[in-house]
Amino acid sequence: MVLAFFKGNSGGDGDFDGIVTKAVSMLGDARHSFDLATLALLTKADPVTVAEDIRETDDRINRTEQELRSELVVHVAVQGNSDIGSVLGFTLLLKKIERIGDQAKNILELAENGVTLAGTAETDELLAERQTISALFGEAGALLSAADADAAEVDDYADRASAIMADHQAKMDEFMNSERPGREVVPLAIYYRYLRRIVANLIGTVRMSSESLPHADYLDDGAVDTED
C-alpha cells in the first residue's frame, strides 16, 4: 500500500492495513455525502430527500474517526514510540477525511437555506465539475489502498488537483469582483470555497502517504500551505 511509506518514516514495524481499509471506507462515505449534497444544490432535487442520509453518513465518518484514533492510541501504548510517525500521520489523514465530510454537509446546508444553482448560466459547468471532483475521491481511495502506487502517481494526482484548486480561486476572485447581483454571485463564491477546501483535503489525504510529517499540509517542500 502507498501508506507503507508511513512505516519508512517512523522506523517501526506496525501493521496498519486495517486502519487503511477503514480510512478508505471513510473516504467513500465522504464521496457519497458530496455526491448527494451537490445533487441537492445543483439540481431541482429537494434537499429534504437527502439530508438525513448525509447527516447519518457524516455521523458514521465521525464515529469511525474516533474509533480509529482510539486504535492508534492503543497501538502506541503497546508498540511504544517506534511507530509514532505513522500514528501521527494517520491521525492527520483521518482528520482530513472528516473535514471533507463536514464540507459536504456545508453544501447541503446551502441548499437547505434555499440556495439553488439549478437553471443558472453556470449549472452545466458546475455539474461537470461535480463529476470531476467525485472522480478525485475515487482516485484518492485507489491510491491509498494500492499495493503498487508510487510517489510519481501521488505527484501527478496532486498536480491535477492543484490546478482545479487554482481554478476555484480564480472563480472566487471573479465573483467577488463581479457587477452581478450579490444574490447570484455570493452563493457561487461560497460554493467554490467549499469545493476548494474539499480538493485541498483530498490532496492532503493522498500526500500524507508520502510526505514527511514536517511537510504535511504543505506543497513545494513546505513552501506552500494547502489551506485546507
C-alpha atoms as a PDB file:
ATOM      1  CA  MET A   1       0.000   0.000   0.000  1.00  0.00           C
ATOM      2  CA  VAL A   2       1.095   3.597  -0.548  1.00  0.00           C
ATOM      3  CA  LEU A   3       0.648   4.120   3.162  1.00  0.00           C
ATOM      4  CA  ALA A   4       3.522   1.721   3.724  1.00  0.00           C
ATOM      5  CA  PHE A   5       5.640   4.887   3.313  1.00  0.00           C
ATOM      6  CA  PHE A   6       4.485   5.751   6.838  1.00  0.00           C
ATOM      7  CA  LYS A   7       6.411   2.769   8.094  1.00  0.00           C
ATOM      8  CA  GLY A   8       9.547   4.084   6.471  1.00  0.00           C
ATOM      9  CA  ASN A   9       9.052   7.474   8.099  1.00  0.00           C
ATOM     10  CA  SER A  10       8.585   6.051  11.577  1.00  0.00           C
ATOM     11  CA  GLY A  11      11.065   3.204  11.560  1.00  0.00           C
ATOM     12  CA  GLY A  12       8.562   0.857  13.180  1.00  0.00           C
ATOM     13  CA  ASP A  13       7.085  -2.408  12.049  1.00  0.00           C
ATOM     14  CA  GLY A  14       3.401  -1.878  12.788  1.00  0.00           C
ATOM     15  CA  ASP A  15       0.645  -3.382  10.668  1.00  0.00           C
ATOM     16  CA  PHE A  16      -1.846  -0.654   9.767  1.00  0.00           C
ATOM     17  CA  ASP A  17      -3.726  -2.455   6.990  1.00  0.00           C
ATOM     18  CA  GLY A  18      -6.975  -2.496   8.962  1.00  0.00           C
ATOM     19  CA  ILE A  19      -6.780   1.238   9.581  1.00  0.00           C
ATOM     20  CA  VAL A  20      -6.023   1.891   5.909  1.00  0.00           C
ATOM     21  CA  THR A  21      -9.085  -0.133   4.902  1.00  0.00           C
ATOM     22  CA  LYS A  22     -11.335   1.826   7.263  1.00  0.00           C
ATOM     23  CA  ALA A  23      -9.835   5.149   6.169  1.00  0.00           C
ATOM     24  CA  VAL A  24     -10.612   4.319   2.541  1.00  0.00           C
ATOM     25  CA  SER A  25     -14.155   3.420   3.623  1.00  0.00           C
ATOM     26  CA  MET A  26     -14.458   6.814   5.323  1.00  0.00           C
ATOM     27  CA  LEU A  27     -13.363   8.448   2.077  1.00  0.00           C
ATOM     28  CA  GLY A  28     -16.070   6.513   0.233  1.00  0.00           C
ATOM     29  CA  ASP A  29     -18.625   7.773   2.728  1.00  0.00           C
ATOM     30  CA  ALA A  30     -17.403  11.350   2.234  1.00  0.00           C
ATOM     31  CA  ARG A  31     -17.783  10.920  -1.522  1.00  0.00           C
ATOM     32  CA  HIS A  32     -21.327   9.662  -1.022  1.00  0.00           C
ATOM     33  CA  SER A  33     -22.181  12.765   1.014  1.00  0.00           C
ATOM     34  CA  PHE A  34     -20.553  15.037  -1.559  1.00  0.00           C
ATOM     35  CA  ASP A  35     -22.489  13.469  -4.424  1.00  0.00           C
ATOM     36  CA  LEU A  36     -25.803  13.825  -2.610  1.00  0.00           C
ATOM     37  CA  ALA A  37     -25.191  17.348  -1.322  1.00  0.00           C
ATOM     38  CA  THR A  38     -24.154  18.692  -4.719  1.00  0.00           C
ATOM     39  CA  LEU A  39     -27.155  16.966  -6.282  1.00  0.00           C
ATOM     40  CA  ALA A  40     -29.402  18.919  -3.917  1.00  0.00           C
ATOM     41  CA  LEU A  41     -27.688  22.216  -4.715  1.00  0.00           C
ATOM     42  CA  LEU A  42     -27.215  21.884  -8.471  1.00  0.00           C
ATOM     43  CA  THR A  43     -30.488  20.233  -9.483  1.00  0.00           C
ATOM     44  CA  LYS A  44     -34.122  20.605  -8.549  1.00  0.00           C
ATOM     45  CA  ALA A  45     -33.885  17.689  -6.096  1.00  0.00           C
ATOM     46  CA  ASP A  46     -35.470  18.501  -2.729  1.00  0.00           C
ATOM     47  CA  PRO A  47     -32.729  18.758  -0.044  1.00  0.00           C
ATOM     48  CA  VAL A  48     -35.093  17.021   2.386  1.00  0.00           C
ATOM     49  CA  THR A  49     -34.759  13.804   0.378  1.00  0.00           C
ATOM     50  CA  VAL A  50     -31.008  13.573   1.012  1.00  0.00           C
ATOM     51  CA  ALA A  51     -30.489  15.467   4.286  1.00  0.00           C
ATOM     52  CA  GLU A  52     -30.982  12.514   6.631  1.00  0.00           C
ATOM     53  CA  ASP A  53     -28.695  10.285   4.573  1.00  0.00           C
ATOM     54  CA  ILE A  54     -25.933  12.915   4.527  1.00  0.00           C
ATOM     55  CA  ARG A  55     -26.121  13.555   8.266  1.00  0.00           C
ATOM     56  CA  GLU A  56     -26.178   9.853   9.102  1.00  0.00           C
ATOM     57  CA  THR A  57     -23.176   9.358   6.835  1.00  0.00           C
ATOM     58  CA  ASP A  58     -21.374  12.266   8.493  1.00  0.00           C
ATOM     59  CA  ASP A  59     -22.076  10.742  11.911  1.00  0.00           C
ATOM     60  CA  ARG A  60     -20.634   7.440  10.681  1.00  0.00           C
ATOM     61  CA  ILE A  61     -17.493   9.200   9.441  1.00  0.00           C
ATOM     62  CA  ASN A  62     -17.098  10.910  12.821  1.00  0.00           C
ATOM     63  CA  ARG A  63     -17.588   7.673  14.757  1.00  0.00           C
ATOM     64  CA  THR A  64     -15.099   5.837  12.584  1.00  0.00           C
ATOM     65  CA  GLU A  65     -12.522   8.584  13.039  1.00  0.00           C
ATOM     66  CA  GLN A  66     -12.938   8.413  16.816  1.00  0.00           C
ATOM     67  CA  GLU A  67     -12.692   4.611  16.815  1.00  0.00           C
ATOM     68  CA  LEU A  68      -9.542   4.669  14.703  1.00  0.00           C
ATOM     69  CA  ARG A  69      -7.936   7.328  16.870  1.00  0.00           C
ATOM     70  CA  SER A  70      -8.563   5.073  19.858  1.00  0.00           C
ATOM     71  CA  GLU A  71      -6.968   2.174  17.994  1.00  0.00           C
ATOM     72  CA  LEU A  72      -3.939   4.323  17.233  1.00  0.00           C
ATOM     73  CA  VAL A  73      -3.582   5.307  20.888  1.00  0.00           C
ATOM     74  CA  VAL A  74      -3.687   1.642  21.872  1.00  0.00           C
ATOM     75  CA  HIS A  75      -1.117   0.872  19.177  1.00  0.00           C
ATOM     76  CA  VAL A  76       1.321   3.399  20.648  1.00  0.00           C
ATOM     77  CA  ALA A  77       0.689   2.059  24.149  1.00  0.00           C
ATOM     78  CA  VAL A  78       1.525  -1.473  23.012  1.00  0.00           C
ATOM     79  CA  GLN A  79       4.295  -0.804  20.480  1.00  0.00           C
ATOM     80  CA  GLY A  80       5.942   2.185  22.103  1.00  0.00           C
ATOM     81  CA  ASN A  81       7.392   5.079  20.144  1.00  0.00           C
ATOM     82  CA  SER A  82       8.716   3.097  17.173  1.00  0.00           C
ATOM     83  CA  ASP A  83       5.587   3.775  15.095  1.00  0.00           C
ATOM     84  CA  ILE A  84       4.885   7.279  16.358  1.00  0.00           C
ATOM     85  CA  GLY A  85       5.423   8.833  12.905  1.00  0.00           C
ATOM     86  CA  SER A  86       2.865   6.514  11.358  1.00  0.00           C
ATOM     87  CA  VAL A  87       0.376   7.136  14.158  1.00  0.00           C
ATOM     88  CA  LEU A  88       0.659  10.910  13.856  1.00  0.00           C
ATOM     89  CA  GLY A  89       0.371  10.662  10.075  1.00  0.00           C
ATOM     90  CA  PHE A  90      -2.757   8.557  10.266  1.00  0.00           C
ATOM     91  CA  THR A  91      -4.283  10.934  12.813  1.00  0.00           C
ATOM     92  CA  LEU A  92      -3.824  13.851  10.405  1.00  0.00           C
ATOM     93  CA  LEU A  93      -5.113  11.810   7.463  1.00  0.00           C
ATOM     94  CA  LEU A  94      -8.278  10.814   9.302  1.00  0.00           C
ATOM     95  CA  LYS A  95      -8.930  14.420  10.290  1.00  0.00           C
ATOM     96  CA  LYS A  96      -8.691  15.498   6.656  1.00  0.00           C
ATOM     97  CA  ILE A  97     -11.285  12.933   5.603  1.00  0.00           C
ATOM     98  CA  GLU A  98     -13.550  14.045   8.449  1.00  0.00           C
ATOM     99  CA  ARG A  99     -13.227  17.652   7.241  1.00  0.00           C
ATOM    100  CA  ILE A 100     -14.326  16.616   3.758  1.00  0.00           C
ATOM    101  CA  GLY A 101     -17.482  15.174   5.276  1.00  0.00           C
ATOM    102  CA  ASP A 102     -18.075  18.466   7.063  1.00  0.00           C
ATOM    103  CA  GLN A 103     -17.687  20.420   3.828  1.00  0.00           C
ATOM    104  CA  ALA A 104     -20.207  18.168   2.105  1.00  0.00           C
ATOM    105  CA  LYS A 105     -22.607  18.896   4.946  1.00  0.00           C
ATOM    106  CA  ASN A 106     -21.968  22.624   4.461  1.00  0.00           C
ATOM    107  CA  ILE A 107     -23.001  22.287   0.815  1.00  0.00           C
ATOM    108  CA  LEU A 108     -26.202  20.585   1.952  1.00  0.00           C
ATOM    109  CA  GLU A 109     -26.884  23.462   4.324  1.00  0.00           C
ATOM    110  CA  LEU A 110     -26.628  25.924   1.449  1.00  0.00           C
ATOM    111  CA  ALA A 111     -29.414  24.019  -0.300  1.00  0.00           C
ATOM    112  CA  GLU A 112     -31.446  23.763   2.911  1.00  0.00           C
ATOM    113  CA  ASN A 113     -31.213  27.542   3.281  1.00  0.00           C
ATOM    114  CA  GLY A 114     -32.963  27.970  -0.047  1.00  0.00           C
ATOM    115  CA  VAL A 115     -29.928  28.393  -2.284  1.00  0.00           C
ATOM    116  CA  THR A 116     -30.195  26.658  -5.649  1.00  0.00           C
ATOM    117  CA  LEU A 117     -27.739  26.740  -8.545  1.00  0.00           C
ATOM    118  CA  ALA A 118     -30.060  24.794 -10.837  1.00  0.00           C
ATOM    119  CA  GLY A 119     -31.079  26.543 -14.019  1.00  0.00           C
ATOM    120  CA  THR A 120     -28.341  29.177 -13.873  1.00  0.00           C
ATOM    121  CA  ALA A 121     -25.800  30.114 -16.526  1.00  0.00           C
ATOM    122  CA  GLU A 122     -23.210  28.097 -14.583  1.00  0.00           C
ATOM    123  CA  THR A 123     -25.256  24.937 -14.000  1.00  0.00           C
ATOM    124  CA  ASP A 124     -23.811  22.788 -16.780  1.00  0.00           C
ATOM    125  CA  GLU A 125     -20.236  23.735 -15.858  1.00  0.00           C
ATOM    126  CA  LEU A 126     -20.925  23.065 -12.178  1.00  0.00           C
ATOM    127  CA  LEU A 127     -22.408  19.645 -12.897  1.00  0.00           C
ATOM    128  CA  ALA A 128     -19.368  18.721 -14.986  1.00  0.00           C
ATOM    129  CA  GLU A 129     -17.066  19.872 -12.193  1.00  0.00           C
ATOM    130  CA  ARG A 130     -19.083  17.819  -9.716  1.00  0.00           C
ATOM    131  CA  GLN A 131     -18.245  14.723 -11.744  1.00  0.00           C
ATOM    132  CA  THR A 132     -14.569  15.646 -11.915  1.00  0.00           C
ATOM    133  CA  ILE A 133     -14.276  16.111  -8.162  1.00  0.00           C
ATOM    134  CA  SER A 134     -16.260  12.966  -7.416  1.00  0.00           C
ATOM    135  CA  ALA A 135     -13.763  11.089  -9.580  1.00  0.00           C
ATOM    136  CA  LEU A 136     -10.930  12.571  -7.496  1.00  0.00           C
ATOM    137  CA  PHE A 137     -12.423  10.840  -4.457  1.00  0.00           C
ATOM    138  CA  GLY A 138     -12.244   7.522  -6.287  1.00  0.00           C
ATOM    139  CA  GLU A 139      -8.648   8.127  -7.364  1.00  0.00           C
ATOM    140  CA  ALA A 140      -7.640   9.071  -3.825  1.00  0.00           C
ATOM    141  CA  GLY A 141      -9.134   5.879  -2.430  1.00  0.00           C
ATOM    142  CA  ALA A 142      -7.361   3.811  -5.076  1.00  0.00           C
ATOM    143  CA  LEU A 143      -4.012   5.450  -4.326  1.00  0.00           C
ATOM    144  CA  LEU A 144      -4.375   4.938  -0.597  1.00  0.00           C
ATOM    145  CA  SER A 145      -5.174   1.258  -0.960  1.00  0.00           C
ATOM    146  CA  ALA A 146      -2.954   0.385  -3.945  1.00  0.00           C
ATOM    147  CA  ALA A 147      -0.142  -2.101  -3.487  1.00  0.00           C
ATOM    148  CA  ASP A 148       1.994  -0.634  -6.266  1.00  0.00           C
ATOM    149  CA  ALA A 149       1.282   3.117  -6.402  1.00  0.00           C
ATOM    150  CA  ASP A 150       4.366   5.277  -6.104  1.00  0.00           C
ATOM    151  CA  ALA A 151       5.338   8.861  -5.360  1.00  0.00           C
ATOM    152  CA  ALA A 152       5.116   9.831  -9.050  1.00  0.00           C
ATOM    153  CA  GLU A 153       1.446   8.856  -9.129  1.00  0.00           C
ATOM    154  CA  VAL A 154       0.832  10.857  -5.963  1.00  0.00           C
ATOM    155  CA  ASP A 155       2.567  13.872  -7.513  1.00  0.00           C
ATOM    156  CA  ASP A 156       0.509  13.564 -10.698  1.00  0.00           C
ATOM    157  CA  TYR A 157      -2.705  13.454  -8.678  1.00  0.00           C
ATOM    158  CA  ALA A 158      -1.633  16.456  -6.606  1.00  0.00           C
ATOM    159  CA  ASP A 159      -0.675  18.472  -9.692  1.00  0.00           C
ATOM    160  CA  ARG A 160      -4.036  17.864 -11.378  1.00  0.00           C
ATOM    161  CA  ALA A 161      -5.993  18.582  -8.205  1.00  0.00           C
ATOM    162  CA  SER A 162      -3.935  21.719  -7.518  1.00  0.00           C
ATOM    163  CA  ALA A 163      -4.862  23.032 -10.968  1.00  0.00           C
ATOM    164  CA  ILE A 164      -8.517  22.543 -10.034  1.00  0.00           C
ATOM    165  CA  MET A 165      -7.944  24.453  -6.791  1.00  0.00           C
ATOM    166  CA  ALA A 166      -6.339  27.303  -8.736  1.00  0.00           C
ATOM    167  CA  ASP A 167      -9.389  27.444 -10.992  1.00  0.00           C
ATOM    168  CA  HIS A 168     -11.640  27.562  -7.941  1.00  0.00           C
ATOM    169  CA  GLN A 169      -9.684  30.512  -6.568  1.00  0.00           C
ATOM    170  CA  ALA A 170      -9.909  32.309  -9.904  1.00  0.00           C
ATOM    171  CA  LYS A 171     -13.662  31.785  -9.927  1.00  0.00           C
ATOM    172  CA  MET A 172     -13.989  33.151  -6.374  1.00  0.00           C
ATOM    173  CA  ASP A 173     -11.948  36.205  -7.329  1.00  0.00           C
ATOM    174  CA  GLU A 174     -14.167  36.734 -10.371  1.00  0.00           C
ATOM    175  CA  PHE A 175     -17.375  36.518  -8.363  1.00  0.00           C
ATOM    176  CA  MET A 176     -16.094  38.832  -5.635  1.00  0.00           C
ATOM    177  CA  ASN A 177     -15.376  41.488  -8.240  1.00  0.00           C
ATOM    178  CA  SER A 178     -18.468  40.896 -10.345  1.00  0.00           C
ATOM    179  CA  GLU A 179     -21.092  43.542 -11.001  1.00  0.00           C
ATOM    180  CA  ARG A 180     -23.799  40.874 -10.958  1.00  0.00           C
ATOM    181  CA  PRO A 181     -26.294  40.978  -8.059  1.00  0.00           C
ATOM    182  CA  GLY A 182     -24.995  39.628  -4.773  1.00  0.00           C
ATOM    183  CA  ARG A 183     -27.819  37.089  -4.593  1.00  0.00           C
ATOM    184  CA  GLU A 184     -26.299  35.454  -7.693  1.00  0.00           C
ATOM    185  CA  VAL A 185     -22.578  35.604  -7.035  1.00  0.00           C
ATOM    186  CA  VAL A 186     -22.363  35.187  -3.257  1.00  0.00           C
ATOM    187  CA  PRO A 187     -23.744  31.600  -3.269  1.00  0.00           C
ATOM    188  CA  LEU A 188     -21.394  30.748  -6.141  1.00  0.00           C
ATOM    189  CA  ALA A 189     -18.369  32.137  -4.302  1.00  0.00           C
ATOM    190  CA  ILE A 190     -19.303  30.240  -1.125  1.00  0.00           C
ATOM    191  CA  TYR A 191     -19.837  27.018  -3.059  1.00  0.00           C
ATOM    192  CA  TYR A 192     -16.474  27.309  -4.789  1.00  0.00           C
ATOM    193  CA  ARG A 193     -14.855  27.936  -1.423  1.00  0.00           C
ATOM    194  CA  TYR A 194     -16.284  24.638  -0.169  1.00  0.00           C
ATOM    195  CA  LEU A 195     -15.131  22.858  -3.319  1.00  0.00           C
ATOM    196  CA  ARG A 196     -11.646  24.297  -2.967  1.00  0.00           C
ATOM    197  CA  ARG A 197     -11.386  23.090   0.615  1.00  0.00           C
ATOM    198  CA  ILE A 198     -12.611  19.618  -0.345  1.00  0.00           C
ATOM    199  CA  VAL A 199      -9.986  19.319  -3.067  1.00  0.00           C
ATOM    200  CA  ALA A 200      -7.289  20.654  -0.712  1.00  0.00           C
ATOM    201  CA  ASN A 201      -8.123  17.946   1.795  1.00  0.00           C
ATOM    202  CA  LEU A 202      -8.125  15.283  -0.910  1.00  0.00           C
ATOM    203  CA  ILE A 203      -4.623  16.396  -1.907  1.00  0.00           C
ATOM    204  CA  GLY A 204      -3.560  16.349   1.728  1.00  0.00           C
ATOM    205  CA  THR A 205      -5.035  12.896   2.242  1.00  0.00           C
ATOM    206  CA  VAL A 206      -3.105  11.449  -0.690  1.00  0.00           C
ATOM    207  CA  ARG A 207       0.122  13.331   0.039  1.00  0.00           C
ATOM    208  CA  MET A 208       0.045  12.197   3.654  1.00  0.00           C
ATOM    209  CA  SER A 209       1.126   8.797   2.378  1.00  0.00           C
ATOM    210  CA  SER A 210       4.431  10.042   1.022  1.00  0.00           C
ATOM    211  CA  GLU A 211       5.231  13.381   2.657  1.00  0.00           C
ATOM    212  CA  SER A 212       7.276  13.562   5.828  1.00  0.00           C
ATOM    213  CA  LEU A 213       5.365  14.897   8.828  1.00  0.00           C
ATOM    214  CA  PRO A 214       7.150  18.290   8.936  1.00  0.00           C
ATOM    215  CA  HIS A 215       5.830  18.969   5.414  1.00  0.00           C
ATOM    216  CA  ALA A 216       2.321  17.641   5.974  1.00  0.00           C
ATOM    217  CA  ASP A 217      -0.286  20.159   4.732  1.00  0.00           C
ATOM    218  CA  TYR A 218       2.341  21.932   2.636  1.00  0.00           C
ATOM    219  CA  LEU A 219       3.400  21.733  -1.001  1.00  0.00           C
ATOM    220  CA  ASP A 220       6.699  22.535  -2.728  1.00  0.00           C
ATOM    221  CA  ASP A 221       8.869  21.160   0.076  1.00  0.00           C
ATOM    222  CA  GLY A 222       6.982  23.074   2.729  1.00  0.00           C
ATOM    223  CA  ALA A 223       6.761  26.413   0.939  1.00  0.00           C
ATOM    224  CA  VAL A 224       3.019  26.492   0.182  1.00  0.00           C
ATOM    225  CA  ASP A 225       0.232  25.964   2.701  1.00  0.00           C
ATOM    226  CA  THR A 226      -2.649  23.906   1.273  1.00  0.00           C
ATOM    227  CA  GLU A 227      -5.162  25.983   3.288  1.00  0.00           C
ATOM    228  CA  ASP A 228      -7.481  23.076   3.968  1.00  0.00           C
END
